[in-house]
């Protein structure tokens, strides 16, 4: 690990029955993820480290998180979804979030040049219309105040009202996840994140 976490990692043998149920659900749901979400001894890392410590919230939030992500990807596609999430986790300076979503963006096919530019806090010049709409919406929602009419109209034109709502829910979810990761200084499991 690169840095120290503010929460200890819980070994599977130390879990309460409620934590064990959360852990088992997590193992099943996270199998296809292209990033390290479990330590060598089986402890959960990333936002799930906090959620297993606060298992009552974790049992509500984790299924909601999975549903919001699935809905967003279905509505706007994986690349567009990941553009928005990279903006959010980068704005939050959530190191683990940037690490995980760089891996996911690569899995969906977003170019390394675009990923690098977004994680540097900049807007790539070569975004597609849909990627640009997602970037602008996520950037706007990371600022204070209301999303401008032009950003709203452009996003609705690209994604429809349902797609816009799906992306707004995903952005809001990851603003919350970024807060967790930053508050507990969740470390990145690999150097190149």
N, C-alpha and C. Protein backbone atom coordinates (compact mmCIF):
# COMPACT_ATOMS: atom_id res chain seq x y z
N UNK A 1 0.83 -1.20 0.00
CA UNK A 1 0.00 0.00 0.00
C UNK A 1 0.87 1.25 0.00
N UNK A 2 0.35 2.29 -0.62
CA UNK A 2 1.11 3.54 -0.71
C UNK A 2 1.05 4.39 0.54
N UNK A 3 -0.08 4.48 1.18
CA UNK A 3 -0.25 5.37 2.33
C UNK A 3 -1.04 4.65 3.41
N UNK A 4 -1.11 5.26 4.56
CA UNK A 4 -1.83 4.61 5.65
C UNK A 4 -3.33 4.92 5.59
N UNK A 5 -4.13 3.93 5.89
CA UNK A 5 -5.57 4.12 5.98
C UNK A 5 -5.92 4.55 7.40
N UNK A 6 -7.03 5.19 7.56
CA UNK A 6 -7.47 5.61 8.89
C UNK A 6 -8.41 4.59 9.52
N UNK A 7 -8.74 3.54 8.76
CA UNK A 7 -9.55 2.44 9.27
C UNK A 7 -8.79 1.14 9.10
N UNK A 8 -8.74 0.32 10.12
CA UNK A 8 -8.05 -0.97 9.94
C UNK A 8 -8.83 -1.85 8.97
N UNK A 9 -8.11 -2.72 8.31
CA UNK A 9 -8.76 -3.71 7.44
C UNK A 9 -9.20 -4.88 8.31
N UNK A 10 -10.42 -5.35 8.08
CA UNK A 10 -10.98 -6.44 8.88
C UNK A 10 -10.76 -7.77 8.18
N UNK A 11 -10.13 -8.68 8.88
CA UNK A 11 -9.92 -10.02 8.35
C UNK A 11 -11.25 -10.76 8.33
N UNK A 12 -11.47 -11.60 7.33
CA UNK A 12 -12.74 -12.35 7.27
C UNK A 12 -13.05 -13.11 8.55
N UNK A 13 -12.04 -13.61 9.25
CA UNK A 13 -12.26 -14.36 10.49
C UNK A 13 -12.71 -13.47 11.64
N UNK A 14 -12.58 -12.16 11.53
CA UNK A 14 -12.94 -11.22 12.59
C UNK A 14 -14.34 -10.64 12.42
N UNK A 15 -15.03 -10.99 11.36
CA UNK A 15 -16.29 -10.34 11.04
C UNK A 15 -17.45 -10.83 11.90
N UNK A 16 -18.36 -9.91 12.22
CA UNK A 16 -19.61 -10.28 12.87
C UNK A 16 -20.49 -10.99 11.84
N UNK A 17 -21.58 -11.63 12.25
CA UNK A 17 -22.46 -12.24 11.25
C UNK A 17 -22.99 -11.25 10.21
N UNK A 18 -23.35 -10.03 10.63
CA UNK A 18 -23.83 -9.03 9.66
C UNK A 18 -22.71 -8.61 8.70
N UNK A 19 -21.52 -8.45 9.23
CA UNK A 19 -20.39 -8.10 8.37
C UNK A 19 -20.07 -9.24 7.40
N UNK A 20 -20.18 -10.47 7.87
CA UNK A 20 -19.92 -11.62 7.02
C UNK A 20 -20.92 -11.69 5.87
N UNK A 21 -22.18 -11.39 6.14
CA UNK A 21 -23.20 -11.38 5.08
C UNK A 21 -22.87 -10.30 4.05
N UNK A 22 -22.47 -9.11 4.51
CA UNK A 22 -22.06 -8.04 3.61
C UNK A 22 -20.85 -8.48 2.78
N UNK A 23 -19.89 -9.08 3.44
CA UNK A 23 -18.67 -9.54 2.79
C UNK A 23 -19.00 -10.54 1.67
N UNK A 24 -19.86 -11.50 1.97
CA UNK A 24 -20.22 -12.51 0.97
C UNK A 24 -20.93 -11.89 -0.23
N UNK A 25 -21.82 -10.94 0.00
CA UNK A 25 -22.50 -10.23 -1.09
C UNK A 25 -21.47 -9.47 -1.93
N UNK A 26 -20.54 -8.84 -1.25
CA UNK A 26 -19.50 -8.06 -1.92
C UNK A 26 -18.63 -8.96 -2.80
N UNK A 27 -18.22 -10.11 -2.28
CA UNK A 27 -17.39 -11.02 -3.06
C UNK A 27 -18.06 -11.39 -4.37
N UNK A 28 -19.32 -11.67 -4.32
CA UNK A 28 -20.06 -12.07 -5.51
C UNK A 28 -20.17 -10.91 -6.51
N UNK A 29 -20.50 -9.72 -6.03
CA UNK A 29 -20.73 -8.58 -6.92
C UNK A 29 -19.46 -8.03 -7.54
N UNK A 30 -18.34 -8.13 -6.85
CA UNK A 30 -17.13 -7.45 -7.29
C UNK A 30 -16.20 -8.32 -8.15
N UNK A 31 -16.54 -9.57 -8.36
CA UNK A 31 -15.65 -10.47 -9.12
C UNK A 31 -15.17 -9.90 -10.46
N UNK A 32 -16.03 -9.26 -11.27
CA UNK A 32 -15.54 -8.82 -12.59
C UNK A 32 -14.72 -7.52 -12.57
N UNK A 33 -14.51 -6.92 -11.42
CA UNK A 33 -13.82 -5.63 -11.37
C UNK A 33 -12.35 -5.78 -11.72
N UNK A 34 -11.82 -4.87 -12.56
CA UNK A 34 -10.43 -4.97 -13.02
C UNK A 34 -9.41 -4.30 -12.10
N UNK A 35 -9.78 -4.05 -10.88
CA UNK A 35 -8.88 -3.40 -9.92
C UNK A 35 -8.87 -4.20 -8.62
N UNK A 36 -7.91 -3.89 -7.76
CA UNK A 36 -7.78 -4.62 -6.49
C UNK A 36 -8.81 -4.06 -5.51
N UNK A 37 -9.77 -4.89 -5.15
CA UNK A 37 -10.83 -4.51 -4.21
C UNK A 37 -10.80 -5.36 -2.95
N UNK A 38 -9.85 -6.28 -2.91
CA UNK A 38 -9.69 -7.19 -1.77
C UNK A 38 -8.20 -7.39 -1.55
N UNK A 39 -7.79 -7.35 -0.30
CA UNK A 39 -6.38 -7.53 0.05
C UNK A 39 -6.00 -9.01 -0.03
N UNK A 40 -4.70 -9.28 0.04
CA UNK A 40 -4.22 -10.67 -0.08
C UNK A 40 -4.80 -11.59 0.98
N UNK A 41 -5.05 -11.07 2.18
CA UNK A 41 -5.62 -11.89 3.25
C UNK A 41 -7.15 -11.87 3.27
N UNK A 42 -7.76 -11.30 2.22
CA UNK A 42 -9.21 -11.31 2.10
C UNK A 42 -9.92 -10.08 2.62
N UNK A 43 -9.20 -9.12 3.20
CA UNK A 43 -9.86 -7.92 3.72
C UNK A 43 -10.34 -7.05 2.55
N UNK A 44 -11.49 -6.40 2.72
CA UNK A 44 -12.01 -5.48 1.71
C UNK A 44 -11.29 -4.14 1.83
N UNK A 45 -11.00 -3.52 0.70
CA UNK A 45 -10.42 -2.19 0.72
C UNK A 45 -11.33 -1.23 -0.06
N UNK A 46 -10.83 -0.03 -0.35
CA UNK A 46 -11.66 0.94 -1.05
C UNK A 46 -12.82 1.38 -0.18
N UNK A 47 -13.90 1.86 -0.78
CA UNK A 47 -15.03 2.31 0.02
C UNK A 47 -15.67 1.19 0.83
N UNK A 48 -15.48 -0.04 0.40
CA UNK A 48 -16.06 -1.16 1.14
C UNK A 48 -15.42 -1.36 2.50
N UNK A 49 -14.22 -0.84 2.69
CA UNK A 49 -13.61 -0.91 4.01
C UNK A 49 -14.45 -0.11 5.01
N UNK A 50 -14.87 1.09 4.64
CA UNK A 50 -15.76 1.86 5.51
C UNK A 50 -17.12 1.18 5.64
N UNK A 51 -17.67 0.70 4.52
CA UNK A 51 -19.01 0.11 4.55
C UNK A 51 -19.08 -1.14 5.41
N UNK A 52 -18.00 -1.92 5.47
CA UNK A 52 -18.04 -3.12 6.32
C UNK A 52 -17.89 -2.73 7.79
N UNK A 53 -17.22 -1.63 8.06
CA UNK A 53 -17.15 -1.12 9.44
C UNK A 53 -18.51 -0.59 9.88
N UNK A 54 -19.22 0.04 8.97
CA UNK A 54 -20.55 0.60 9.23
C UNK A 54 -21.57 -0.24 8.46
N UNK A 55 -21.69 -1.49 8.85
CA UNK A 55 -22.39 -2.48 8.04
C UNK A 55 -23.88 -2.19 7.85
N UNK A 56 -24.53 -1.55 8.81
CA UNK A 56 -25.95 -1.22 8.61
C UNK A 56 -26.11 -0.28 7.42
N UNK A 57 -25.25 0.72 7.32
CA UNK A 57 -25.27 1.62 6.16
C UNK A 57 -24.78 0.87 4.92
N UNK A 58 -23.73 0.07 5.08
CA UNK A 58 -23.19 -0.69 3.96
C UNK A 58 -24.22 -1.59 3.31
N UNK A 59 -25.06 -2.23 4.12
CA UNK A 59 -26.09 -3.12 3.58
C UNK A 59 -27.16 -2.37 2.80
N UNK A 60 -27.33 -1.09 3.08
CA UNK A 60 -28.26 -0.28 2.30
C UNK A 60 -27.56 0.35 1.09
N UNK A 61 -26.36 0.85 1.32
CA UNK A 61 -25.68 1.63 0.29
C UNK A 61 -25.09 0.79 -0.83
N UNK A 62 -24.51 -0.36 -0.51
CA UNK A 62 -23.85 -1.16 -1.55
C UNK A 62 -24.83 -1.61 -2.64
N UNK A 63 -25.99 -2.17 -2.31
CA UNK A 63 -26.94 -2.53 -3.38
C UNK A 63 -27.42 -1.30 -4.17
N UNK A 64 -27.62 -0.18 -3.48
CA UNK A 64 -28.01 1.05 -4.17
C UNK A 64 -26.91 1.50 -5.13
N UNK A 65 -25.66 1.45 -4.67
CA UNK A 65 -24.51 1.81 -5.51
C UNK A 65 -24.48 0.95 -6.77
N UNK A 66 -24.63 -0.35 -6.61
CA UNK A 66 -24.58 -1.25 -7.77
C UNK A 66 -25.73 -0.95 -8.73
N UNK A 67 -26.92 -0.66 -8.20
CA UNK A 67 -28.08 -0.35 -9.06
C UNK A 67 -27.88 0.96 -9.81
N UNK A 68 -27.38 1.98 -9.12
CA UNK A 68 -27.16 3.28 -9.76
C UNK A 68 -26.10 3.17 -10.86
N UNK A 69 -25.03 2.46 -10.58
CA UNK A 69 -23.98 2.27 -11.59
C UNK A 69 -24.54 1.52 -12.80
N UNK A 70 -25.24 0.43 -12.54
CA UNK A 70 -25.81 -0.36 -13.64
C UNK A 70 -26.78 0.45 -14.48
N UNK A 71 -27.61 1.25 -13.83
CA UNK A 71 -28.57 2.09 -14.55
C UNK A 71 -27.87 3.13 -15.40
N UNK A 72 -26.82 3.74 -14.85
CA UNK A 72 -26.08 4.76 -15.60
C UNK A 72 -25.39 4.15 -16.82
N UNK A 73 -24.73 3.03 -16.64
CA UNK A 73 -24.04 2.39 -17.76
C UNK A 73 -25.05 1.97 -18.83
N UNK A 74 -26.18 1.47 -18.41
CA UNK A 74 -27.22 1.08 -19.37
C UNK A 74 -27.75 2.30 -20.13
N UNK A 75 -27.90 3.42 -19.44
CA UNK A 75 -28.48 4.62 -20.05
C UNK A 75 -27.52 5.36 -20.97
N UNK A 76 -26.23 5.45 -20.58
CA UNK A 76 -25.31 6.30 -21.35
C UNK A 76 -24.11 5.55 -21.90
N UNK A 77 -23.92 4.31 -21.50
CA UNK A 77 -22.77 3.53 -21.95
C UNK A 77 -21.61 3.64 -20.97
N UNK A 78 -20.76 2.64 -20.98
CA UNK A 78 -19.66 2.55 -20.03
C UNK A 78 -18.63 3.67 -20.16
N UNK A 79 -18.26 4.01 -21.39
CA UNK A 79 -17.25 5.06 -21.58
C UNK A 79 -17.77 6.39 -21.06
N UNK A 80 -18.97 6.77 -21.46
CA UNK A 80 -19.55 8.05 -21.04
C UNK A 80 -19.71 8.09 -19.52
N UNK A 81 -20.21 7.00 -18.94
CA UNK A 81 -20.33 6.91 -17.48
C UNK A 81 -18.98 7.14 -16.82
N UNK A 82 -17.94 6.48 -17.31
CA UNK A 82 -16.63 6.60 -16.69
C UNK A 82 -16.01 7.98 -16.88
N UNK A 83 -16.31 8.66 -17.98
CA UNK A 83 -15.85 10.05 -18.12
C UNK A 83 -16.38 10.87 -16.95
N UNK A 84 -17.68 10.76 -16.70
CA UNK A 84 -18.30 11.53 -15.60
C UNK A 84 -17.70 11.15 -14.25
N UNK A 85 -17.52 9.86 -14.01
CA UNK A 85 -17.03 9.42 -12.70
C UNK A 85 -15.56 9.83 -12.51
N UNK A 86 -14.76 9.78 -13.56
CA UNK A 86 -13.38 10.25 -13.44
C UNK A 86 -13.32 11.73 -13.08
N UNK A 87 -14.22 12.52 -13.65
CA UNK A 87 -14.27 13.95 -13.29
C UNK A 87 -14.55 14.08 -11.79
N UNK A 88 -15.51 13.33 -11.29
CA UNK A 88 -15.93 13.45 -9.89
C UNK A 88 -14.84 12.99 -8.94
N UNK A 89 -14.28 11.81 -9.15
CA UNK A 89 -13.28 11.30 -8.21
C UNK A 89 -11.99 12.11 -8.29
N UNK A 90 -11.69 12.66 -9.46
CA UNK A 90 -10.52 13.53 -9.59
C UNK A 90 -10.73 14.84 -8.86
N UNK A 91 -11.93 15.42 -8.99
CA UNK A 91 -12.24 16.67 -8.28
C UNK A 91 -12.18 16.48 -6.77
N UNK A 92 -12.57 15.29 -6.30
CA UNK A 92 -12.53 14.99 -4.86
C UNK A 92 -11.12 14.64 -4.39
N UNK A 93 -10.20 14.44 -5.33
CA UNK A 93 -8.84 13.99 -5.01
C UNK A 93 -8.88 12.65 -4.26
N UNK A 94 -9.85 11.83 -4.61
CA UNK A 94 -10.03 10.51 -4.00
C UNK A 94 -9.11 9.53 -4.72
N UNK A 95 -7.94 9.29 -4.14
CA UNK A 95 -6.90 8.50 -4.79
C UNK A 95 -7.37 7.10 -5.17
N UNK A 96 -8.04 6.42 -4.25
CA UNK A 96 -8.51 5.07 -4.57
C UNK A 96 -9.58 5.13 -5.67
N UNK A 97 -10.45 6.13 -5.63
CA UNK A 97 -11.46 6.29 -6.67
C UNK A 97 -10.85 6.51 -8.03
N UNK A 98 -9.80 7.33 -8.09
CA UNK A 98 -9.12 7.54 -9.38
C UNK A 98 -8.47 6.24 -9.85
N UNK A 99 -7.81 5.55 -8.94
CA UNK A 99 -7.19 4.26 -9.28
C UNK A 99 -8.22 3.29 -9.88
N UNK A 100 -9.33 3.07 -9.17
CA UNK A 100 -10.32 2.09 -9.61
C UNK A 100 -10.98 2.51 -10.93
N UNK A 101 -11.28 3.79 -11.07
CA UNK A 101 -12.02 4.22 -12.27
C UNK A 101 -11.12 4.44 -13.47
N UNK A 102 -9.82 4.61 -13.27
CA UNK A 102 -8.89 4.53 -14.40
C UNK A 102 -8.95 3.13 -14.98
N UNK A 103 -8.90 2.12 -14.11
CA UNK A 103 -8.96 0.72 -14.57
C UNK A 103 -10.28 0.43 -15.29
N UNK A 104 -11.39 0.92 -14.74
CA UNK A 104 -12.69 0.69 -15.38
C UNK A 104 -12.80 1.43 -16.70
N UNK A 105 -12.32 2.67 -16.75
CA UNK A 105 -12.37 3.44 -18.00
C UNK A 105 -11.56 2.74 -19.09
N UNK A 106 -10.39 2.21 -18.72
CA UNK A 106 -9.59 1.45 -19.68
C UNK A 106 -10.33 0.20 -20.14
N UNK A 107 -11.00 -0.47 -19.21
CA UNK A 107 -11.75 -1.69 -19.55
C UNK A 107 -12.85 -1.37 -20.57
N UNK A 108 -13.51 -0.22 -20.39
CA UNK A 108 -14.58 0.17 -21.32
C UNK A 108 -14.05 0.72 -22.64
N UNK A 109 -12.76 1.07 -22.70
CA UNK A 109 -12.18 1.53 -23.96
C UNK A 109 -11.89 3.01 -24.06
N UNK A 110 -11.97 3.75 -22.97
CA UNK A 110 -11.59 5.16 -23.01
C UNK A 110 -10.07 5.23 -23.18
N UNK A 111 -9.60 6.11 -24.05
CA UNK A 111 -8.17 6.17 -24.34
C UNK A 111 -7.38 6.67 -23.13
N UNK A 112 -6.14 6.22 -23.04
CA UNK A 112 -5.27 6.66 -21.96
C UNK A 112 -5.04 8.17 -21.99
N UNK A 113 -4.97 8.75 -23.20
CA UNK A 113 -4.80 10.21 -23.30
C UNK A 113 -5.97 10.95 -22.66
N UNK A 114 -7.17 10.50 -22.93
CA UNK A 114 -8.35 11.15 -22.33
C UNK A 114 -8.36 10.93 -20.81
N UNK A 115 -8.04 9.72 -20.38
CA UNK A 115 -8.02 9.42 -18.94
C UNK A 115 -7.00 10.32 -18.23
N UNK A 116 -5.82 10.41 -18.79
CA UNK A 116 -4.76 11.22 -18.19
C UNK A 116 -5.19 12.68 -18.08
N UNK A 117 -5.78 13.21 -19.13
CA UNK A 117 -6.20 14.61 -19.13
C UNK A 117 -7.29 14.85 -18.10
N UNK A 118 -8.27 13.96 -18.03
CA UNK A 118 -9.37 14.11 -17.07
C UNK A 118 -8.84 14.03 -15.64
N UNK A 119 -7.98 13.05 -15.35
CA UNK A 119 -7.48 12.91 -13.99
C UNK A 119 -6.53 14.03 -13.61
N UNK A 120 -6.03 14.77 -14.59
CA UNK A 120 -5.23 15.96 -14.32
C UNK A 120 -6.12 17.18 -14.07
N UNK A 121 -7.43 16.99 -14.17
CA UNK A 121 -8.37 18.08 -13.90
C UNK A 121 -8.67 18.94 -15.11
N UNK A 122 -8.39 18.41 -16.29
CA UNK A 122 -8.61 19.18 -17.52
C UNK A 122 -9.62 18.48 -18.42
N UNK A 123 -10.19 19.24 -19.36
CA UNK A 123 -11.15 18.68 -20.32
C UNK A 123 -10.43 18.32 -21.60
N UNK A 124 -10.41 17.04 -21.98
CA UNK A 124 -9.77 16.66 -23.24
C UNK A 124 -10.42 17.36 -24.43
N UNK A 125 -9.62 17.77 -25.39
CA UNK A 125 -10.13 18.48 -26.57
C UNK A 125 -10.86 17.54 -27.53
N UNK A 126 -10.57 16.25 -27.46
CA UNK A 126 -11.11 15.30 -28.44
C UNK A 126 -12.25 14.44 -27.92
N UNK A 127 -12.99 14.92 -26.93
CA UNK A 127 -14.15 14.16 -26.43
C UNK A 127 -15.22 14.09 -27.51
N UNK A 128 -15.93 12.97 -27.56
CA UNK A 128 -17.11 12.89 -28.43
C UNK A 128 -18.18 13.82 -27.86
N UNK A 129 -19.24 14.03 -28.61
CA UNK A 129 -20.33 14.89 -28.13
C UNK A 129 -20.89 14.37 -26.80
N UNK A 130 -21.12 13.05 -26.71
CA UNK A 130 -21.67 12.45 -25.49
C UNK A 130 -20.68 12.52 -24.34
N UNK A 131 -19.41 12.21 -24.61
CA UNK A 131 -18.38 12.31 -23.57
C UNK A 131 -18.28 13.74 -23.05
N UNK A 132 -18.35 14.71 -23.97
CA UNK A 132 -18.29 16.12 -23.59
C UNK A 132 -19.48 16.53 -22.73
N UNK A 133 -20.66 16.03 -23.08
CA UNK A 133 -21.86 16.34 -22.29
C UNK A 133 -21.73 15.77 -20.88
N UNK A 134 -21.20 14.55 -20.78
CA UNK A 134 -21.01 13.92 -19.46
C UNK A 134 -19.95 14.67 -18.66
N UNK A 135 -18.86 15.04 -19.32
CA UNK A 135 -17.80 15.79 -18.65
C UNK A 135 -18.35 17.10 -18.11
N UNK A 136 -19.05 17.84 -18.96
CA UNK A 136 -19.56 19.16 -18.56
C UNK A 136 -20.57 19.05 -17.41
N UNK A 137 -21.42 18.04 -17.47
CA UNK A 137 -22.39 17.84 -16.39
C UNK A 137 -21.68 17.50 -15.08
N UNK A 138 -20.75 16.56 -15.13
CA UNK A 138 -20.03 16.18 -13.91
C UNK A 138 -19.23 17.35 -13.37
N UNK A 139 -18.55 18.08 -14.24
CA UNK A 139 -17.78 19.24 -13.80
C UNK A 139 -18.70 20.27 -13.14
N UNK A 140 -19.83 20.52 -13.76
CA UNK A 140 -20.79 21.49 -13.20
C UNK A 140 -21.29 21.06 -11.84
N UNK A 141 -21.57 19.77 -11.68
CA UNK A 141 -22.08 19.28 -10.40
C UNK A 141 -21.00 19.21 -9.32
N UNK A 142 -19.75 19.31 -9.71
CA UNK A 142 -18.66 19.37 -8.72
C UNK A 142 -18.42 20.81 -8.25
N UNK A 143 -19.09 21.77 -8.87
CA UNK A 143 -19.00 23.17 -8.47
C UNK A 143 -20.24 23.50 -7.63
N UNK A 144 -20.21 24.63 -6.96
CA UNK A 144 -21.42 25.04 -6.23
C UNK A 144 -22.39 25.71 -7.18
N UNK A 145 -23.65 25.65 -6.85
CA UNK A 145 -24.68 26.32 -7.66
C UNK A 145 -25.40 25.37 -8.60
N UNK A 146 -26.28 25.96 -9.36
CA UNK A 146 -27.16 25.23 -10.27
C UNK A 146 -26.44 24.93 -11.58
N UNK A 147 -26.71 23.77 -12.17
CA UNK A 147 -26.20 23.44 -13.50
C UNK A 147 -26.80 24.43 -14.49
N UNK A 148 -25.95 25.00 -15.34
CA UNK A 148 -26.43 26.00 -16.30
C UNK A 148 -27.43 25.38 -17.28
N UNK A 149 -28.27 26.23 -17.84
CA UNK A 149 -29.26 25.79 -18.82
C UNK A 149 -28.62 25.14 -20.03
N UNK A 150 -27.48 25.67 -20.48
CA UNK A 150 -26.81 25.11 -21.66
C UNK A 150 -26.27 23.70 -21.37
N UNK A 151 -25.67 23.51 -20.19
CA UNK A 151 -25.16 22.18 -19.83
C UNK A 151 -26.32 21.20 -19.71
N UNK A 152 -27.39 21.63 -19.05
CA UNK A 152 -28.59 20.78 -18.90
C UNK A 152 -29.15 20.42 -20.27
N UNK A 153 -29.39 21.43 -21.11
CA UNK A 153 -29.99 21.18 -22.43
C UNK A 153 -29.13 20.24 -23.27
N UNK A 154 -27.81 20.45 -23.23
CA UNK A 154 -26.91 19.60 -24.00
C UNK A 154 -26.96 18.15 -23.50
N UNK A 155 -26.95 17.97 -22.19
CA UNK A 155 -26.97 16.61 -21.64
C UNK A 155 -28.30 15.92 -21.95
N UNK A 156 -29.42 16.63 -21.82
CA UNK A 156 -30.72 16.05 -22.15
C UNK A 156 -30.81 15.73 -23.63
N UNK A 157 -30.25 16.59 -24.48
CA UNK A 157 -30.25 16.32 -25.92
C UNK A 157 -29.45 15.05 -26.23
N UNK A 158 -28.35 14.84 -25.50
CA UNK A 158 -27.52 13.66 -25.74
C UNK A 158 -28.10 12.38 -25.15
N UNK A 159 -28.68 12.48 -23.96
CA UNK A 159 -29.05 11.27 -23.20
C UNK A 159 -30.54 11.12 -22.93
N UNK A 160 -31.35 12.12 -23.24
CA UNK A 160 -32.75 12.10 -22.86
C UNK A 160 -32.89 12.39 -21.37
N UNK A 161 -34.11 12.62 -20.93
CA UNK A 161 -34.31 12.96 -19.51
C UNK A 161 -33.97 11.80 -18.59
N UNK A 162 -34.26 10.58 -19.02
CA UNK A 162 -33.93 9.41 -18.18
C UNK A 162 -32.42 9.21 -18.10
N UNK A 163 -31.73 9.37 -19.21
CA UNK A 163 -30.28 9.25 -19.21
C UNK A 163 -29.63 10.34 -18.38
N UNK A 164 -30.17 11.55 -18.48
CA UNK A 164 -29.68 12.67 -17.67
C UNK A 164 -29.83 12.32 -16.19
N UNK A 165 -31.00 11.85 -15.80
CA UNK A 165 -31.25 11.49 -14.40
C UNK A 165 -30.31 10.36 -13.95
N UNK A 166 -30.12 9.35 -14.79
CA UNK A 166 -29.24 8.24 -14.44
C UNK A 166 -27.82 8.73 -14.19
N UNK A 167 -27.36 9.65 -15.03
CA UNK A 167 -26.01 10.19 -14.87
C UNK A 167 -25.91 11.08 -13.64
N UNK A 168 -26.95 11.85 -13.36
CA UNK A 168 -26.96 12.69 -12.15
C UNK A 168 -26.89 11.82 -10.90
N UNK A 169 -27.66 10.74 -10.86
CA UNK A 169 -27.60 9.83 -9.71
C UNK A 169 -26.20 9.25 -9.55
N UNK A 170 -25.58 8.84 -10.66
CA UNK A 170 -24.23 8.26 -10.59
C UNK A 170 -23.22 9.30 -10.10
N UNK A 171 -23.30 10.51 -10.61
CA UNK A 171 -22.40 11.57 -10.18
C UNK A 171 -22.58 11.84 -8.69
N UNK A 172 -23.81 11.92 -8.24
CA UNK A 172 -24.08 12.13 -6.82
C UNK A 172 -23.56 11.00 -5.96
N UNK A 173 -23.72 9.77 -6.41
CA UNK A 173 -23.22 8.62 -5.67
C UNK A 173 -21.70 8.71 -5.52
N UNK A 174 -21.03 9.06 -6.60
CA UNK A 174 -19.57 9.10 -6.53
C UNK A 174 -19.03 10.33 -5.83
N UNK A 175 -19.82 11.38 -5.75
CA UNK A 175 -19.41 12.50 -4.88
C UNK A 175 -19.41 12.01 -3.43
N UNK A 176 -20.40 11.21 -3.06
CA UNK A 176 -20.45 10.65 -1.71
C UNK A 176 -19.31 9.65 -1.49
N UNK A 177 -19.08 8.77 -2.43
CA UNK A 177 -18.00 7.78 -2.31
C UNK A 177 -16.65 8.50 -2.23
N UNK A 178 -16.46 9.53 -3.03
CA UNK A 178 -15.22 10.30 -2.98
C UNK A 178 -15.01 10.93 -1.61
N UNK A 179 -16.10 11.37 -1.00
CA UNK A 179 -16.02 11.93 0.35
C UNK A 179 -15.54 10.87 1.34
N UNK A 180 -16.09 9.65 1.25
CA UNK A 180 -15.67 8.56 2.14
C UNK A 180 -14.17 8.29 1.98
N UNK A 181 -13.76 8.15 0.71
CA UNK A 181 -12.38 7.80 0.44
C UNK A 181 -11.42 8.87 0.95
N UNK A 182 -11.78 10.13 0.76
CA UNK A 182 -10.93 11.22 1.22
C UNK A 182 -10.93 11.33 2.74
N UNK A 183 -12.08 11.16 3.36
CA UNK A 183 -12.18 11.29 4.82
C UNK A 183 -11.35 10.24 5.54
N UNK A 184 -11.27 9.04 4.97
CA UNK A 184 -10.54 7.95 5.61
C UNK A 184 -9.19 7.66 4.95
N UNK A 185 -8.77 8.53 4.01
CA UNK A 185 -7.45 8.43 3.40
C UNK A 185 -7.20 7.01 2.86
N UNK A 186 -8.21 6.48 2.17
CA UNK A 186 -8.10 5.10 1.67
C UNK A 186 -6.96 4.98 0.66
N UNK A 187 -5.99 4.11 0.92
CA UNK A 187 -4.81 4.04 0.06
C UNK A 187 -5.06 3.32 -1.25
N UNK A 188 -4.18 3.58 -2.17
CA UNK A 188 -4.19 2.93 -3.49
C UNK A 188 -3.34 1.67 -3.40
N UNK A 189 -3.86 0.54 -3.83
CA UNK A 189 -3.10 -0.71 -3.70
C UNK A 189 -1.97 -0.89 -4.70
N UNK A 190 -1.88 -0.02 -5.69
CA UNK A 190 -0.81 -0.13 -6.67
C UNK A 190 -0.17 1.24 -6.85
N UNK A 191 1.09 1.24 -7.21
CA UNK A 191 1.80 2.51 -7.39
C UNK A 191 1.20 3.34 -8.52
N UNK A 192 0.95 2.74 -9.65
CA UNK A 192 0.47 3.49 -10.82
C UNK A 192 -1.04 3.60 -10.77
N UNK A 193 -1.53 4.66 -10.16
CA UNK A 193 -2.98 4.84 -10.04
C UNK A 193 -3.41 6.13 -10.68
